[in-house]
Each structure stands twice: as C-alpha cells, then as structure tokens.
Amino acid sequence: ISEKRYKKFLKKRENIKKEIERIKNTNIKPTNEIN
C-alpha cells in the first residue's frame, strides 16, 4: 500500500472514529421535530 493511499485510509478511519464518539456523546431532546 502506497503512502498516499495509506494516509487517505488513516483519514477515513479517524473520521469514522470521531463521528461515532460524537454521536454517542450527543443528547437529543424530545422536541416536536424529532418525534
């Protein structure tokens, strides 16, 4: 795997990890919109 491809992969992996953490820590209030 080339360095260029590997850096792109690491970015993808980091994006996924950060988004999962964000969603797990985000609170949703019982608004009319969500319901």
PDB file of all heavy atoms in Angstrom:
ATOM      1  N   ILE A   1       0.855  -1.191   0.000  1.00  0.00           N
ATOM      2  CA  ILE A   1       0.000   0.000   0.000  1.00  0.00           C
ATOM      3  C   ILE A   1       0.889   1.238   0.000  1.00  0.00           C
ATOM      4  O   ILE A   1       1.772   1.380   0.845  1.00  0.00           O
ATOM      5  CB  ILE A   1      -0.921   0.022   1.249  1.00  0.00           C
ATOM      6  CG1 ILE A   1      -1.817  -1.226   1.294  1.00  0.00           C
ATOM      7  CG2 ILE A   1      -1.766   1.289   1.280  1.00  0.00           C
ATOM      8  CD1 ILE A   1      -2.839  -1.336   0.204  1.00  0.00           C
ATOM      9  N   SER A   2       0.651   2.127  -0.957  1.00  0.00           N
ATOM     10  CA  SER A   2       1.462   3.348  -1.054  1.00  0.00           C
ATOM     11  C   SER A   2       1.179   4.275   0.125  1.00  0.00           C
ATOM     12  O   SER A   2       0.127   4.182   0.763  1.00  0.00           O
ATOM     13  CB  SER A   2       1.147   4.081  -2.354  1.00  0.00           C
ATOM     14  OG  SER A   2      -0.181   4.602  -2.322  1.00  0.00           O
ATOM     15  N   GLU A   3       2.123   5.184   0.396  1.00  0.00           N
ATOM     16  CA  GLU A   3       1.951   6.139   1.496  1.00  0.00           C
ATOM     17  C   GLU A   3       0.744   7.044   1.249  1.00  0.00           C
ATOM     18  O   GLU A   3       0.008   7.382   2.179  1.00  0.00           O
ATOM     19  CB  GLU A   3       3.215   6.979   1.671  1.00  0.00           C
ATOM     20  CG  GLU A   3       4.371   6.236   2.306  1.00  0.00           C
ATOM     21  CD  GLU A   3       4.039   5.662   3.673  1.00  0.00           C
ATOM     22  OE1 GLU A   3       3.351   6.343   4.460  1.00  0.00           O
ATOM     23  OE2 GLU A   3       4.445   4.525   3.958  1.00  0.00           O
ATOM     24  N   LYS A   4       0.545   7.414  -0.012  1.00  0.00           N
ATOM     25  CA  LYS A   4      -0.591   8.279  -0.363  1.00  0.00           C
ATOM     26  C   LYS A   4      -1.910   7.589  -0.027  1.00  0.00           C
ATOM     27  O   LYS A   4      -2.802   8.174   0.581  1.00  0.00           O
ATOM     28  CB  LYS A   4      -0.537   8.622  -1.854  1.00  0.00           C
ATOM     29  CG  LYS A   4      -1.669   9.535  -2.309  1.00  0.00           C
ATOM     30  CD  LYS A   4      -1.562   9.831  -3.797  1.00  0.00           C
ATOM     31  CE  LYS A   4      -2.725  10.718  -4.258  1.00  0.00           C
ATOM     32  NZ  LYS A   4      -2.659  10.973  -5.728  1.00  0.00           N
ATOM     33  N   ARG A   5      -2.005   6.336  -0.441  1.00  0.00           N
ATOM     34  CA  ARG A   5      -3.233   5.583  -0.162  1.00  0.00           C
ATOM     35  C   ARG A   5      -3.392   5.353   1.331  1.00  0.00           C
ATOM     36  O   ARG A   5      -4.516   5.415   1.861  1.00  0.00           O
ATOM     37  CB  ARG A   5      -3.205   4.252  -0.905  1.00  0.00           C
ATOM     38  CG  ARG A   5      -4.431   3.390  -0.628  1.00  0.00           C
ATOM     39  CD  ARG A   5      -4.460   2.147  -1.491  1.00  0.00           C
ATOM     40  NE  ARG A   5      -5.583   1.288  -1.154  1.00  0.00           N
ATOM     41  CZ  ARG A   5      -5.901   0.175  -1.790  1.00  0.00           C
ATOM     42  NH1 ARG A   5      -5.173  -0.226  -2.813  1.00  0.00           N
ATOM     43  NH2 ARG A   5      -6.942  -0.549  -1.414  1.00  0.00           N
ATOM     44  N   TYR A   6      -2.287   5.092   2.037  1.00  0.00           N
ATOM     45  CA  TYR A   6      -2.370   4.811   3.467  1.00  0.00           C
ATOM     46  C   TYR A   6      -2.809   6.049   4.252  1.00  0.00           C
ATOM     47  O   TYR A   6      -3.602   5.951   5.192  1.00  0.00           O
ATOM     48  CB  TYR A   6      -1.030   4.305   3.982  1.00  0.00           C
ATOM     49  CG  TYR A   6      -1.106   3.719   5.368  1.00  0.00           C
ATOM     50  CD1 TYR A   6      -1.964   2.656   5.644  1.00  0.00           C
ATOM     51  CD2 TYR A   6      -0.333   4.222   6.416  1.00  0.00           C
ATOM     52  CE1 TYR A   6      -2.047   2.112   6.920  1.00  0.00           C
ATOM     53  CE2 TYR A   6      -0.406   3.678   7.687  1.00  0.00           C
ATOM     54  CZ  TYR A   6      -1.271   2.621   7.931  1.00  0.00           C
ATOM     55  OH  TYR A   6      -1.354   2.085   9.198  1.00  0.00           O
ATOM     56  N   LYS A   7      -2.314   7.211   3.861  1.00  0.00           N
ATOM     57  CA  LYS A   7      -2.723   8.454   4.537  1.00  0.00           C
ATOM     58  C   LYS A   7      -4.215   8.712   4.336  1.00  0.00           C
ATOM     59  O   LYS A   7      -4.919   9.153   5.249  1.00  0.00           O
ATOM     60  CB  LYS A   7      -1.904   9.629   4.003  1.00  0.00           C
ATOM     61  CG  LYS A   7      -0.471   9.656   4.520  1.00  0.00           C
ATOM     62  CD  LYS A   7       0.306  10.826   3.925  1.00  0.00           C
ATOM     63  CE  LYS A   7       1.756  10.818   4.438  1.00  0.00           C
ATOM     64  NZ  LYS A   7       2.564  11.910   3.828  1.00  0.00           N
ATOM     65  N   LYS A   8      -4.690   8.421   3.138  1.00  0.00           N
ATOM     66  CA  LYS A   8      -6.117   8.571   2.837  1.00  0.00           C
ATOM     67  C   LYS A   8      -6.941   7.612   3.700  1.00  0.00           C
ATOM     68  O   LYS A   8      -8.000   7.971   4.225  1.00  0.00           O
ATOM     69  CB  LYS A   8      -6.354   8.278   1.347  1.00  0.00           C
ATOM     70  CG  LYS A   8      -7.784   8.504   0.879  1.00  0.00           C
ATOM     71  CD  LYS A   8      -7.892   8.222  -0.614  1.00  0.00           C
ATOM     72  CE  LYS A   8      -9.336   8.356  -1.083  1.00  0.00           C
ATOM     73  NZ  LYS A   8      -9.467   8.032  -2.532  1.00  0.00           N
ATOM     74  N   PHE A   9      -6.434   6.400   3.863  1.00  0.00           N
ATOM     75  CA  PHE A   9      -7.103   5.399   4.692  1.00  0.00           C
ATOM     76  C   PHE A   9      -7.149   5.844   6.153  1.00  0.00           C
ATOM     77  O   PHE A   9      -8.175   5.718   6.827  1.00  0.00           O
ATOM     78  CB  PHE A   9      -6.381   4.050   4.573  1.00  0.00           C
ATOM     79  CG  PHE A   9      -6.683   3.096   5.691  1.00  0.00           C
ATOM     80  CD1 PHE A   9      -7.882   2.407   5.733  1.00  0.00           C
ATOM     81  CD2 PHE A   9      -5.770   2.908   6.730  1.00  0.00           C
ATOM     82  CE1 PHE A   9      -8.164   1.539   6.783  1.00  0.00           C
ATOM     83  CE2 PHE A   9      -6.045   2.047   7.776  1.00  0.00           C
ATOM     84  CZ  PHE A   9      -7.249   1.361   7.803  1.00  0.00           C
ATOM     85  N   LEU A  10      -6.006   6.352   6.681  1.00  0.00           N
ATOM     86  CA  LEU A  10      -5.950   6.798   8.076  1.00  0.00           C
ATOM     87  C   LEU A  10      -6.943   7.926   8.338  1.00  0.00           C
ATOM     88  O   LEU A  10      -7.564   7.982   9.410  1.00  0.00           O
ATOM     89  CB  LEU A  10      -4.536   7.258   8.430  1.00  0.00           C
ATOM     90  CG  LEU A  10      -3.460   6.161   8.497  1.00  0.00           C
ATOM     91  CD1 LEU A  10      -2.097   6.784   8.766  1.00  0.00           C
ATOM     92  CD2 LEU A  10      -3.800   5.125   9.572  1.00  0.00           C
ATOM     93  N   LYS A  11      -7.100   8.809   7.355  1.00  0.00           N
ATOM     94  CA  LYS A  11      -8.060   9.906   7.471  1.00  0.00           C
ATOM     95  C   LYS A  11      -9.481   9.352   7.556  1.00  0.00           C
ATOM     96  O   LYS A  11     -10.291   9.806   8.381  1.00  0.00           O
ATOM     97  CB  LYS A  11      -7.925  10.843   6.261  1.00  0.00           C
ATOM     98  CG  LYS A  11      -8.888  12.023   6.255  1.00  0.00           C
ATOM     99  CD  LYS A  11      -8.624  12.980   7.404  1.00  0.00           C
ATOM    100  CE  LYS A  11      -9.543  14.191   7.318  1.00  0.00           C
ATOM    101  NZ  LYS A  11      -9.428  15.059   8.523  1.00  0.00           N
ATOM    102  N   LYS A  12      -9.784   8.391   6.713  1.00  0.00           N
ATOM    103  CA  LYS A  12     -11.114   7.766   6.728  1.00  0.00           C
ATOM    104  C   LYS A  12     -11.379   7.103   8.081  1.00  0.00           C
ATOM    105  O   LYS A  12     -12.442   7.292   8.677  1.00  0.00           O
ATOM    106  CB  LYS A  12     -11.217   6.723   5.611  1.00  0.00           C
ATOM    107  CG  LYS A  12     -12.511   5.922   5.642  1.00  0.00           C
ATOM    108  CD  LYS A  12     -12.529   4.830   4.578  1.00  0.00           C
ATOM    109  CE  LYS A  12     -13.787   3.975   4.681  1.00  0.00           C
ATOM    110  NZ  LYS A  12     -13.837   2.908   3.644  1.00  0.00           N
ATOM    111  N   ARG A  13     -10.399   6.354   8.572  1.00  0.00           N
ATOM    112  CA  ARG A  13     -10.561   5.650   9.845  1.00  0.00           C
ATOM    113  C   ARG A  13     -10.772   6.629  10.992  1.00  0.00           C
ATOM    114  O   ARG A  13     -11.596   6.402  11.877  1.00  0.00           O
ATOM    115  CB  ARG A  13      -9.336   4.771  10.108  1.00  0.00           C
ATOM    116  CG  ARG A  13      -9.509   3.824  11.288  1.00  0.00           C
ATOM    117  CD  ARG A  13      -8.395   2.806  11.345  1.00  0.00           C
ATOM    118  NE  ARG A  13      -7.096   3.409  11.656  1.00  0.00           N
ATOM    119  CZ  ARG A  13      -5.966   2.723  11.808  1.00  0.00           C
ATOM    120  NH1 ARG A  13      -5.971   1.403  11.655  1.00  0.00           N
ATOM    121  NH2 ARG A  13      -4.829   3.329  12.084  1.00  0.00           N
ATOM    122  N   GLU A  14     -10.023   7.745  10.965  1.00  0.00           N
ATOM    123  CA  GLU A  14     -10.144   8.761  12.012  1.00  0.00           C
ATOM    124  C   GLU A  14     -11.502   9.446  11.950  1.00  0.00           C
ATOM    125  O   GLU A  14     -12.120   9.719  12.992  1.00  0.00           O
ATOM    126  CB  GLU A  14      -9.015   9.785  11.867  1.00  0.00           C
ATOM    127  CG  GLU A  14      -8.975  10.840  12.963  1.00  0.00           C
ATOM    128  CD  GLU A  14      -8.693  10.278  14.344  1.00  0.00           C
ATOM    129  OE1 GLU A  14      -8.188   9.139  14.454  1.00  0.00           O
ATOM    130  OE2 GLU A  14      -8.994  10.975  15.324  1.00  0.00           O
ATOM    131  N   ASN A  15     -11.977   9.740  10.739  1.00  0.00           N
ATOM    132  CA  ASN A  15     -13.292  10.379  10.560  1.00  0.00           C
ATOM    133  C   ASN A  15     -14.400   9.504  11.147  1.00  0.00           C
ATOM    134  O   ASN A  15     -15.321   9.991  11.810  1.00  0.00           O
ATOM    135  CB  ASN A  15     -13.574  10.628   9.079  1.00  0.00           C
ATOM    136  CG  ASN A  15     -12.747  11.771   8.517  1.00  0.00           C
ATOM    137  OD1 ASN A  15     -12.162  12.559   9.263  1.00  0.00           O
ATOM    138  ND2 ASN A  15     -12.688  11.865   7.201  1.00  0.00           N
ATOM    139  N   ILE A  16     -14.319   8.212  10.891  1.00  0.00           N
ATOM    140  CA  ILE A  16     -15.330   7.268  11.398  1.00  0.00           C
ATOM    141  C   ILE A  16     -15.292   7.233  12.926  1.00  0.00           C
ATOM    142  O   ILE A  16     -16.330   7.310  13.585  1.00  0.00           O
ATOM    143  CB  ILE A  16     -15.080   5.854  10.819  1.00  0.00           C
ATOM    144  CG1 ILE A  16     -15.317   5.853   9.307  1.00  0.00           C
ATOM    145  CG2 ILE A  16     -15.978   4.821  11.502  1.00  0.00           C
ATOM    146  CD1 ILE A  16     -14.798   4.622   8.604  1.00  0.00           C
ATOM    147  N   LYS A  17     -14.096   7.135  13.477  1.00  0.00           N
ATOM    148  CA  LYS A  17     -13.931   7.058  14.933  1.00  0.00           C
ATOM    149  C   LYS A  17     -14.486   8.317  15.618  1.00  0.00           C
ATOM    150  O   LYS A  17     -15.234   8.214  16.608  1.00  0.00           O
ATOM    151  CB  LYS A  17     -12.449   6.892  15.278  1.00  0.00           C
ATOM    152  CG  LYS A  17     -12.174   6.760  16.770  1.00  0.00           C
ATOM    153  CD  LYS A  17     -10.666   6.640  17.039  1.00  0.00           C
ATOM    154  CE  LYS A  17     -10.385   6.600  18.532  1.00  0.00           C
ATOM    155  NZ  LYS A  17      -8.918   6.543  18.812  1.00  0.00           N
ATOM    156  N   LYS A  18     -14.133   9.490  15.083  1.00  0.00           N
ATOM    157  CA  LYS A  18     -14.584  10.758  15.683  1.00  0.00           C
ATOM    158  C   LYS A  18     -16.099  10.900  15.610  1.00  0.00           C
ATOM    159  O   LYS A  18     -16.733  11.364  16.565  1.00  0.00           O
ATOM    160  CB  LYS A  18     -13.914  11.940  14.976  1.00  0.00           C
ATOM    161  CG  LYS A  18     -12.465  12.158  15.369  1.00  0.00           C
ATOM    162  CD  LYS A  18     -11.904  13.391  14.668  1.00  0.00           C
ATOM    163  CE  LYS A  18     -10.478  13.675  15.122  1.00  0.00           C
ATOM    164  NZ  LYS A  18      -9.903  14.855  14.412  1.00  0.00           N
ATOM    165  N   GLU A  19     -16.684  10.505  14.482  1.00  0.00           N
ATOM    166  CA  GLU A  19     -18.131  10.652  14.316  1.00  0.00           C
ATOM    167  C   GLU A  19     -18.885   9.706  15.245  1.00  0.00           C
ATOM    168  O   GLU A  19     -19.923  10.085  15.801  1.00  0.00           O
ATOM    169  CB  GLU A  19     -18.519  10.411  12.858  1.00  0.00           C
ATOM    170  CG  GLU A  19     -20.005  10.530  12.562  1.00  0.00           C
ATOM    171  CD  GLU A  19     -20.611  11.905  12.834  1.00  0.00           C
ATOM    172  OE1 GLU A  19     -19.933  12.781  13.426  1.00  0.00           O
ATOM    173  OE2 GLU A  19     -21.781  12.110  12.465  1.00  0.00           O
ATOM    174  N   ILE A  20     -18.395   8.506  15.443  1.00  0.00           N
ATOM    175  CA  ILE A  20     -19.038   7.568  16.368  1.00  0.00           C
ATOM    176  C   ILE A  20     -19.000   8.135  17.790  1.00  0.00           C
ATOM    177  O   ILE A  20     -20.008   8.100  18.512  1.00  0.00           O
ATOM    178  CB  ILE A  20     -18.349   6.179  16.308  1.00  0.00           C
ATOM    179  CG1 ILE A  20     -18.662   5.496  14.974  1.00  0.00           C
ATOM    180  CG2 ILE A  20     -18.804   5.295  17.477  1.00  0.00           C
ATOM    181  CD1 ILE A  20     -17.894   4.202  14.742  1.00  0.00           C
ATOM    182  N   GLU A  21     -17.863   8.685  18.183  1.00  0.00           N
ATOM    183  CA  GLU A  21     -17.728   9.273  19.517  1.00  0.00           C
ATOM    184  C   GLU A  21     -18.675  10.456  19.678  1.00  0.00           C
ATOM    185  O   GLU A  21     -19.318  10.628  20.725  1.00  0.00           O
ATOM    186  CB  GLU A  21     -16.286   9.723  19.751  1.00  0.00           C
ATOM    187  CG  GLU A  21     -15.310   8.558  19.937  1.00  0.00           C
ATOM    188  CD  GLU A  21     -13.870   9.025  20.069  1.00  0.00           C
ATOM    189  OE1 GLU A  21     -13.630  10.249  19.920  1.00  0.00           O
ATOM    190  OE2 GLU A  21     -12.983   8.177  20.305  1.00  0.00           O
ATOM    191  N   ARG A  22     -18.769  11.291  18.628  1.00  0.00           N
ATOM    192  CA  ARG A  22     -19.642  12.471  18.685  1.00  0.00           C
ATOM    193  C   ARG A  22     -21.102  12.057  18.855  1.00  0.00           C
ATOM    194  O   ARG A  22     -21.830  12.607  19.700  1.00  0.00           O
ATOM    195  CB  ARG A  22     -19.482  13.294  17.407  1.00  0.00           C
ATOM    196  CG  ARG A  22     -20.254  14.624  17.430  1.00  0.00           C
ATOM    197  CD  ARG A  22     -20.230  15.304  16.085  1.00  0.00           C
ATOM    198  NE  ARG A  22     -21.060  14.594  15.105  1.00  0.00           N
ATOM    199  CZ  ARG A  22     -22.375  14.759  14.992  1.00  0.00           C
ATOM    200  NH1 ARG A  22     -23.022  15.583  15.802  1.00  0.00           N
ATOM    201  NH2 ARG A  22     -23.043  14.094  14.083  1.00  0.00           N
ATOM    202  N   ILE A  23     -21.543  11.069  18.080  1.00  0.00           N
ATOM    203  CA  ILE A  23     -22.939  10.625  18.142  1.00  0.00           C
ATOM    204  C   ILE A  23     -23.253  10.013  19.504  1.00  0.00           C
ATOM    205  O   ILE A  23     -24.333  10.233  20.066  1.00  0.00           O
ATOM    206  CB  ILE A  23     -23.229   9.619  17.004  1.00  0.00           C
ATOM    207  CG1 ILE A  23     -23.225  10.363  15.667  1.00  0.00           C
ATOM    208  CG2 ILE A  23     -24.560   8.907  17.210  1.00  0.00           C
ATOM    209  CD1 ILE A  23     -23.386   9.485  14.462  1.00  0.00           C
ATOM    210  N   LYS A  24     -22.303   9.283  20.064  1.00  0.00           N
ATOM    211  CA  LYS A  24     -22.518   8.671  21.382  1.00  0.00           C
ATOM    212  C   LYS A  24     -22.614   9.712  22.494  1.00  0.00           C
ATOM    213  O   LYS A  24     -23.224   9.462  23.536  1.00  0.00           O
ATOM    214  CB  LYS A  24     -21.387   7.688  21.690  1.00  0.00           C
ATOM    215  CG  LYS A  24     -21.488   6.373  20.940  1.00  0.00           C
ATOM    216  CD  LYS A  24     -20.398   5.410  21.382  1.00  0.00           C
ATOM    217  CE  LYS A  24     -20.567   4.048  20.744  1.00  0.00           C
ATOM    218  NZ  LYS A  24     -19.537   3.084  21.202  1.00  0.00           N
ATOM    219  N   ASN A  25     -22.006  10.873  22.270  1.00  0.00           N
ATOM    220  CA  ASN A  25     -21.997  11.926  23.288  1.00  0.00           C
ATOM    221  C   ASN A  25     -23.000  13.044  23.013  1.00  0.00           C
ATOM    222  O   ASN A  25     -23.040  14.038  23.746  1.00  0.00           O
ATOM    223  CB  ASN A  25     -20.592  12.531  23.396  1.00  0.00           C
ATOM    224  CG  ASN A  25     -19.593  11.547  23.985  1.00  0.00           C
ATOM    225  OD1 ASN A  25     -19.878  10.870  24.958  1.00  0.00           O
ATOM    226  ND2 ASN A  25     -18.420  11.447  23.368  1.00  0.00           N
ATOM    227  N   THR A  26     -23.804  12.902  21.970  1.00  0.00           N
ATOM    228  CA  THR A  26     -24.779  13.927  21.610  1.00  0.00           C
ATOM    229  C   THR A  26     -26.141  13.592  22.192  1.00  0.00           C
ATOM    230  O   THR A  26     -26.683  12.498  21.953  1.00  0.00           O
ATOM    231  CB  THR A  26     -24.897  14.067  20.071  1.00  0.00           C
ATOM    232  OG1 THR A  26     -23.626  14.456  19.543  1.00  0.00           O
ATOM    233  CG2 THR A  26     -25.948  15.103  19.700  1.00  0.00           C
ATOM    234  N   ASN A  27     -26.702  14.509  22.960  1.00  0.00           N
ATOM    235  CA  ASN A  27     -28.025  14.326  23.554  1.00  0.00           C
ATOM    236  C   ASN A  27     -29.114  14.875  22.644  1.00  0.00           C
ATOM    237  O   ASN A  27     -28.959  15.936  22.028  1.00  0.00           O
ATOM    238  CB  ASN A  27     -28.105  15.041  24.915  1.00  0.00           C
ATOM    239  CG  ASN A  27     -27.284  14.342  25.974  1.00  0.00           C
ATOM    240  OD1 ASN A  27     -27.427  13.146  26.201  1.00  0.00           O
ATOM    241  ND2 ASN A  27     -26.409  15.100  26.634  1.00  0.00           N
ATOM    242  N   ILE A  28     -30.207  14.153  22.555  1.00  0.00           N
ATOM    243  CA  ILE A  28     -31.354  14.573  21.756  1.00  0.00           C
ATOM    244  C   ILE A  28     -32.516  14.858  22.698  1.00  0.00           C
ATOM    245  O   ILE A  28     -32.903  13.993  23.498  1.00  0.00           O
ATOM    246  CB  ILE A  28     -31.767  13.477  20.739  1.00  0.00           C
ATOM    247  CG1 ILE A  28     -30.625  13.201  19.756  1.00  0.00           C
ATOM    248  CG2 ILE A  28     -33.028  13.877  19.989  1.00  0.00           C
ATOM    249  CD1 ILE A  28     -30.308  14.363  18.839  1.00  0.00           C
ATOM    250  N   LYS A  29     -33.068  16.053  22.608  1.00  0.00           N
ATOM    251  CA  LYS A  29     -34.212  16.427  23.452  1.00  0.00           C
ATOM    252  C   LYS A  29     -35.523  16.014  22.774  1.00  0.00           C
ATOM    253  O   LYS A  29     -35.592  15.938  21.549  1.00  0.00           O
ATOM    254  CB  LYS A  29     -34.199  17.934  23.706  1.00  0.00           C
ATOM    255  CG  LYS A  29     -32.996  18.384  24.525  1.00  0.00           C
ATOM    256  CD  LYS A  29     -33.021  19.893  24.725  1.00  0.00           C
ATOM    257  CE  LYS A  29     -31.804  20.344  25.556  1.00  0.00           C
ATOM    258  NZ  LYS A  29     -31.786  21.815  25.738  1.00  0.00           N
ATOM    259  N   PRO A  30     -36.570  15.760  23.546  1.00  0.00           N
ATOM    260  CA  PRO A  30     -37.850  15.318  22.987  1.00  0.00           C
ATOM    261  C   PRO A  30     -38.640  16.457  22.340  1.00  0.00           C
ATOM    262  O   PRO A  30     -39.697  16.880  22.847  1.00  0.00           O
ATOM    263  CB  PRO A  30     -38.582  14.737  24.209  1.00  0.00           C
ATOM    264  CG  PRO A  30     -38.025  15.505  25.363  1.00  0.00           C
ATOM    265  CD  PRO A  30     -36.584  15.764  25.021  1.00  0.00           C
ATOM    266  N   THR A  31     -38.147  16.954  21.217  1.00  0.00           N
ATOM    267  CA  THR A  31     -38.819  18.043  20.518  1.00  0.00           C
ATOM    268  C   THR A  31     -39.849  17.501  19.524  1.00  0.00           C
ATOM    269  O   THR A  31     -39.842  16.311  19.176  1.00  0.00           O
ATOM    270  CB  THR A  31     -37.798  18.896  19.745  1.00  0.00           C
ATOM    271  OG1 THR A  31     -37.175  18.060  18.741  1.00  0.00           O
ATOM    272  CG2 THR A  31     -36.725  19.440  20.670  1.00  0.00           C
ATOM    273  N   ASN A  32     -40.721  18.404  19.049  1.00  0.00           N
ATOM    274  CA  ASN A  32     -41.718  18.007  18.045  1.00  0.00           C
ATOM    275  C   ASN A  32     -41.039  17.528  16.770  1.00  0.00           C
ATOM    276  O   ASN A  32     -41.524  16.610  16.099  1.00  0.00           O
ATOM    277  CB  ASN A  32     -42.644  19.196  17.728  1.00  0.00           C
ATOM    278  CG  ASN A  32     -43.565  19.517  18.889  1.00  0.00           C
ATOM    279  OD1 ASN A  32     -43.881  18.633  19.697  1.00  0.00           O
ATOM    280  ND2 ASN A  32     -43.992  20.765  18.978  1.00  0.00           N
ATOM    281  N   GLU A  33     -39.916  18.161  16.441  1.00  0.00           N
ATOM    282  CA  GLU A  33     -39.199  17.825  15.205  1.00  0.00           C
ATOM    283  C   GLU A  33     -38.701  16.385  15.219  1.00  0.00           C
ATOM    284  O   GLU A  33     -38.926  15.632  14.261  1.00  0.00           O
ATOM    285  CB  GLU A  33     -38.027  18.788  15.003  1.00  0.00           C
ATOM    286  CG  GLU A  33     -37.345  18.626  13.655  1.00  0.00           C
ATOM    287  CD  GLU A  33     -36.193  19.608  13.462  1.00  0.00           C
ATOM    288  OE1 GLU A  33     -35.824  20.302  14.432  1.00  0.00           O
ATOM    289  OE2 GLU A  33     -35.663  19.662  12.334  1.00  0.00           O
ATOM    290  N   ILE A  34     -38.037  15.980  16.294  1.00  0.00           N
ATOM    291  CA  ILE A  34     -37.506  14.619  16.371  1.00  0.00           C
ATOM    292  C   ILE A  34     -38.635  13.605  16.458  1.00  0.00           C
ATOM    293  O   ILE A  34     -38.592  12.537  15.831  1.00  0.00           O
ATOM    294  CB  ILE A  34     -36.504  14.444  17.550  1.00  0.00           C
ATOM    295  CG1 ILE A  34     -35.955  12.996  17.591  1.00  0.00           C
ATOM    296  CG2 ILE A  34     -37.149  14.769  18.884  1.00  0.00           C
ATOM    297  CD1 ILE A  34     -35.192  12.562  16.389  1.00  0.00           C
ATOM    298  N   ASN A  35     -39.693  13.926  17.239  1.00  0.00           N
ATOM    299  CA  ASN A  35     -40.797  12.971  17.381  1.00  0.00           C
ATOM    300  C   ASN A  35     -41.577  12.799  16.072  1.00  0.00           C
ATOM    301  O   ASN A  35     -42.100  11.719  15.794  1.00  0.00           O
ATOM    302  CB  ASN A  35     -41.731  13.397  18.510  1.00  0.00           C
ATOM    303  CG  ASN A  35     -41.179  12.998  19.868  1.00  0.00           C
ATOM    304  OD1 ASN A  35     -40.433  12.026  19.994  1.00  0.00           O
ATOM    305  ND2 ASN A  35     -41.525  13.765  20.900  1.00  0.00           N
TER     306      ASN A  35
END
